[in-house]
Amino acid sequence: MIQRLQSVYLLLAGITATLLLFIPLARFNVSGQGYFSLSPFGIDSINVAPIGGTNSYLWVIALCTVLVAVCSFCSIFLFKHRMLQLKLTRWAIVFEVVYCMTYAFQCYNFQSNTTSHFSFTIGTVLPFVVFIFLWLAARAIKKDEELVRAANRIR
């Protein structure tokens, strides 16, 4: 049921998480070597030779992004099973937190291995937007479940 508020939040979280697979997450200006772009599938060099040995945990970022998107889209269709929908949304929040921690570690790791300057991109902000959408969806699901339980008590 797309007209429910939590379904809208979950849809927006899923779309935003899917976008994270296709846009650069951060940009680094390595002095003397050029620009490098961090994406979930690797560190891409722009007009320079690639740097090896820095893609160690990027598979975690890609996996968490896919899991968040899948959990969000699957949760939309579990509207009849609110508790399962809430559990799946909470798991998506956990995957998003793991994503953010791995992303921060990878940026720190790349910046400490090279003398680089970190530049923000839209991909830097989107994980936090996904987290906010998931949190709002979980809150709306919980509120909906409490409303149904209160209605059952009245009957």
Protein backbone atom coordinates (compact mmCIF):
# COMPACT_ATOMS: atom_id res chain seq x y z
CA MET A 1 0.00 0.00 0.00
CA ILE A 2 1.90 2.99 -1.30
CA GLN A 3 -0.47 5.53 0.26
CA ARG A 4 0.79 4.75 3.78
CA LEU A 5 3.41 7.17 5.02
CA GLN A 6 5.93 4.46 5.91
CA SER A 7 5.66 3.05 2.39
CA VAL A 8 6.60 6.44 0.97
CA TYR A 9 9.58 6.67 3.34
CA LEU A 10 10.67 3.14 2.44
CA LEU A 11 10.33 3.86 -1.27
CA LEU A 12 12.42 7.02 -0.95
CA ALA A 13 15.03 5.14 1.12
CA GLY A 14 15.20 2.36 -1.49
CA ILE A 15 15.52 4.77 -4.40
CA THR A 16 18.18 6.81 -2.59
CA ALA A 17 20.12 3.66 -1.66
CA THR A 18 19.97 2.51 -5.28
CA LEU A 19 21.32 5.89 -6.39
CA LEU A 20 24.30 5.37 -4.10
CA LEU A 21 25.42 2.51 -6.32
CA PHE A 22 25.81 4.78 -9.33
CA ILE A 23 27.20 8.06 -8.04
CA PRO A 24 30.64 8.82 -6.59
CA LEU A 25 30.67 8.87 -2.81
CA ALA A 26 33.66 11.17 -2.35
CA ARG A 27 36.42 12.83 -4.29
CA PHE A 28 40.07 13.10 -3.35
CA ASN A 29 42.64 15.49 -4.74
CA VAL A 30 45.98 13.76 -4.33
CA SER A 31 48.77 16.29 -4.57
CA GLY A 32 50.80 15.65 -7.69
CA GLN A 33 48.73 12.67 -8.84
CA GLY A 34 45.33 14.09 -9.75
CA TYR A 35 41.77 13.36 -8.71
CA PHE A 36 40.39 10.09 -7.37
CA SER A 37 36.72 9.24 -6.99
CA LEU A 38 35.46 6.80 -4.35
CA SER A 39 32.52 4.65 -5.46
CA PRO A 40 31.05 1.44 -3.99
CA PHE A 41 32.89 -0.57 -6.62
CA GLY A 42 36.35 0.93 -6.26
CA ILE A 43 38.50 3.98 -6.31
CA ASP A 44 38.47 5.41 -9.81
CA SER A 45 41.27 7.60 -11.01
CA ILE A 46 40.49 10.55 -13.22
CA ASN A 47 43.18 10.97 -15.93
CA VAL A 48 45.89 9.34 -13.79
CA ALA A 49 47.23 5.89 -12.96
CA PRO A 50 45.19 4.01 -10.34
CA ILE A 51 46.39 3.55 -6.77
CA GLY A 52 46.52 -0.09 -5.71
CA GLY A 53 45.74 -1.66 -2.36
CA THR A 54 43.06 0.79 -1.23
CA ASN A 55 39.92 -1.12 -2.23
CA SER A 56 40.04 -3.46 0.77
CA TYR A 57 36.62 -2.78 2.31
CA LEU A 58 34.67 -1.32 -0.59
CA TRP A 59 32.83 -4.60 -1.10
CA VAL A 60 31.21 -4.03 2.32
CA ILE A 61 29.94 -0.63 1.13
CA ALA A 62 28.47 -2.16 -2.05
CA LEU A 63 26.93 -5.09 -0.15
CA CYS A 64 25.37 -2.86 2.51
CA THR A 65 23.97 -0.55 -0.15
CA VAL A 66 22.32 -3.45 -1.97
CA LEU A 67 20.98 -4.92 1.30
CA VAL A 68 19.49 -1.58 2.36
CA ALA A 69 17.78 -1.17 -1.01
CA VAL A 70 16.44 -4.74 -1.01
CA CYS A 71 15.21 -4.48 2.60
CA SER A 72 13.50 -1.19 1.84
CA PHE A 73 11.75 -2.42 -1.29
CA CYS A 74 10.72 -5.73 0.34
CA SER A 75 9.38 -3.91 3.40
CA ILE A 76 6.96 -1.96 1.25
CA PHE A 77 5.10 -5.15 0.33
CA LEU A 78 4.93 -6.43 3.91
CA PHE A 79 2.25 -3.92 4.90
CA LYS A 80 -0.02 -6.68 6.24
CA HIS A 81 2.74 -7.92 8.57
CA ARG A 82 3.75 -4.78 10.42
CA MET A 83 6.06 -6.45 12.95
CA LEU A 84 8.01 -8.20 10.18
CA GLN A 85 8.08 -4.92 8.27
CA LEU A 86 9.48 -3.19 11.36
CA LYS A 87 12.15 -5.88 11.83
CA LEU A 88 13.21 -5.63 8.19
CA THR A 89 13.37 -1.85 8.43
CA ARG A 90 15.48 -2.08 11.59
CA TRP A 91 17.85 -4.46 9.79
CA ALA A 92 18.10 -1.93 6.98
CA ILE A 93 19.05 0.70 9.58
CA VAL A 94 21.77 -1.62 10.92
CA PHE A 95 23.11 -2.16 7.40
CA GLU A 96 23.09 1.61 6.84
CA VAL A 97 25.08 2.19 10.05
CA VAL A 98 27.62 -0.45 8.95
CA TYR A 99 27.74 1.29 5.57
CA CYS A 100 28.46 4.68 7.17
CA MET A 101 31.15 3.26 9.46
CA THR A 102 32.87 1.44 6.58
CA TYR A 103 32.61 4.54 4.41
CA ALA A 104 34.21 6.71 7.10
CA PHE A 105 36.95 4.12 7.64
CA GLN A 106 37.63 3.84 3.91
CA CYS A 107 37.86 7.63 3.50
CA TYR A 108 40.18 7.89 6.49
CA ASN A 109 42.26 4.96 5.23
CA PHE A 110 42.64 6.44 1.74
CA GLN A 111 43.44 9.88 3.08
CA SER A 112 46.06 8.57 5.52
CA ASN A 113 47.76 6.42 2.85
CA THR A 114 48.09 9.36 0.48
CA THR A 115 48.55 13.08 0.89
CA SER A 116 45.11 13.98 -0.35
CA HIS A 117 42.39 16.54 0.16
CA PHE A 118 38.84 15.25 0.68
CA SER A 119 36.00 16.87 -1.29
CA PHE A 120 32.34 16.34 -0.52
CA THR A 121 29.96 15.13 -3.21
CA ILE A 122 26.25 14.42 -3.16
CA GLY A 123 27.17 10.82 -2.38
CA THR A 124 28.61 11.96 0.94
CA VAL A 125 25.23 13.24 2.13
CA LEU A 126 22.91 10.58 0.68
CA PRO A 127 23.73 7.82 3.24
CA PHE A 128 22.49 10.11 5.99
CA VAL A 129 19.35 10.87 3.98
CA VAL A 130 18.74 7.12 3.63
CA PHE A 131 19.21 6.72 7.39
CA ILE A 132 16.68 9.48 8.10
CA PHE A 133 14.12 7.94 5.72
CA LEU A 134 14.56 4.52 7.33
CA TRP A 135 14.24 5.96 10.82
CA LEU A 136 11.08 7.84 9.84
CA ALA A 137 9.65 4.67 8.28
CA ALA A 138 10.39 2.63 11.42
CA ARG A 139 8.74 5.29 13.55
CA ALA A 140 5.65 5.35 11.32
CA ILE A 141 5.40 1.53 11.32
CA LYS A 142 5.65 1.44 15.11
CA LYS A 143 3.03 4.18 15.42
CA ASP A 144 0.72 2.27 13.05
CA GLU A 145 1.16 -0.93 15.06
CA GLU A 146 0.36 0.89 18.31
CA LEU A 147 -2.77 2.35 16.70
CA VAL A 148 -3.96 -1.10 15.60
CA ARG A 149 -3.31 -2.57 19.06
CA ALA A 150 -5.19 0.29 20.70
CA ALA A 151 -8.13 -0.30 18.36
CA ASN A 152 -8.10 -4.01 19.22
CA ARG A 153 -8.25 -3.22 22.94
CA ILE A 154 -11.31 -1.04 22.44
CA ARG A 155 -13.26 -3.82 20.66
